[in-house]
Amino acid sequence: MKKLTLIIATIATLGIVSCKETKEESKTVVVEQEAQAQEEDQEGTSLSVSSDGVEFSTNDGDSKTEINIDAKDEKGK
């Protein structure tokens, strides 16, 4: 009888402990960094194609070339 009481008490204790709600604290780390400013006139070549047309630009440090071709202008010709 003592063994049966001990076994039931052990099972009841394990059941209570395992069903206990645990609150996990979320650890959120916020890292704030300042955005670095990009140079507007970077050296290199860029090509942009969209439904409005094509834009091509190149910059080699000494000279800068920009070409814009609008799709609206080409359809009218």
Protein backbone atom coordinates (compact mmCIF):
# COMPACT_ATOMS: atom_id res chain seq x y z
CA MET A 1 0.00 0.00 0.00
CA LYS A 2 2.86 2.40 0.79
CA LYS A 3 4.47 1.62 -2.57
CA LEU A 4 1.21 2.33 -4.43
CA THR A 5 0.81 5.67 -2.61
CA LEU A 6 4.41 6.59 -3.37
CA ILE A 7 4.01 5.71 -7.08
CA ILE A 8 0.79 7.73 -7.39
CA ALA A 9 2.37 10.70 -5.59
CA THR A 10 5.40 10.53 -7.91
CA ILE A 11 3.22 10.38 -11.04
CA ALA A 12 1.06 13.26 -9.78
CA THR A 13 4.16 15.36 -9.02
CA LEU A 14 5.66 14.69 -12.46
CA GLY A 15 2.34 15.54 -14.09
CA ILE A 16 2.07 18.86 -12.29
CA VAL A 17 5.68 19.81 -13.02
CA SER A 18 5.47 18.86 -16.72
CA CYS A 19 2.19 20.74 -17.28
CA LYS A 20 3.47 23.92 -15.71
CA GLU A 21 3.36 26.78 -18.19
CA THR A 22 6.75 28.22 -18.83
CA LYS A 23 7.08 31.79 -19.92
CA GLU A 24 10.02 32.24 -22.20
CA GLU A 25 11.33 35.74 -22.30
CA SER A 26 12.04 36.82 -25.81
CA LYS A 27 15.43 38.36 -26.16
CA THR A 28 15.22 40.89 -28.95
CA VAL A 29 18.36 42.82 -29.71
CA VAL A 30 17.97 46.01 -31.68
CA VAL A 31 21.06 47.21 -33.46
CA GLU A 32 20.90 50.71 -34.83
CA GLN A 33 23.42 51.81 -37.39
CA GLU A 34 23.62 55.00 -39.32
CA ALA A 35 23.15 54.61 -43.04
CA GLN A 36 26.24 55.47 -44.98
CA ALA A 37 25.75 58.14 -47.59
CA GLN A 38 26.42 56.98 -51.12
CA GLU A 39 28.34 59.15 -53.48
CA GLU A 40 26.05 60.54 -56.12
CA ASP A 41 28.70 60.60 -58.83
CA GLN A 42 30.23 57.15 -58.57
CA GLU A 43 32.59 56.05 -61.25
CA GLY A 44 31.30 53.33 -63.52
CA THR A 45 28.53 52.52 -65.96
CA SER A 46 24.83 52.01 -65.34
CA LEU A 47 22.03 50.85 -67.62
CA SER A 48 18.36 51.06 -66.70
CA VAL A 49 15.63 49.58 -68.89
CA SER A 50 11.95 50.13 -68.10
CA SER A 51 8.63 50.45 -69.91
CA ASP A 52 9.27 54.20 -70.17
CA GLY A 53 12.53 53.74 -72.08
CA VAL A 54 16.25 53.25 -71.58
CA GLU A 55 18.71 55.27 -69.53
CA PHE A 56 22.46 54.80 -69.94
CA SER A 57 25.11 56.68 -67.99
CA THR A 58 28.85 56.41 -67.60
CA ASN A 59 31.31 58.28 -65.42
CA ASP A 60 35.07 57.86 -65.60
CA GLY A 61 36.00 60.61 -63.14
CA ASP A 62 36.85 63.31 -65.71
CA SER A 63 33.79 63.10 -67.92
CA LYS A 64 30.21 62.02 -67.47
CA THR A 65 27.83 60.86 -70.20
CA GLU A 66 24.07 60.34 -69.86
CA ILE A 67 21.76 59.06 -72.59
CA ASN A 68 17.98 58.86 -72.15
CA ILE A 69 15.74 57.23 -74.75
CA ASP A 70 12.04 57.59 -74.04
CA ALA A 71 9.67 54.96 -75.41
CA LYS A 72 6.96 57.61 -75.89
CA ASP A 73 9.19 59.60 -78.26
CA GLU A 74 10.02 56.54 -80.38
CA LYS A 75 6.37 55.49 -80.82
CA GLY A 76 5.40 58.89 -82.16
CA LYS A 77 8.01 58.81 -84.98
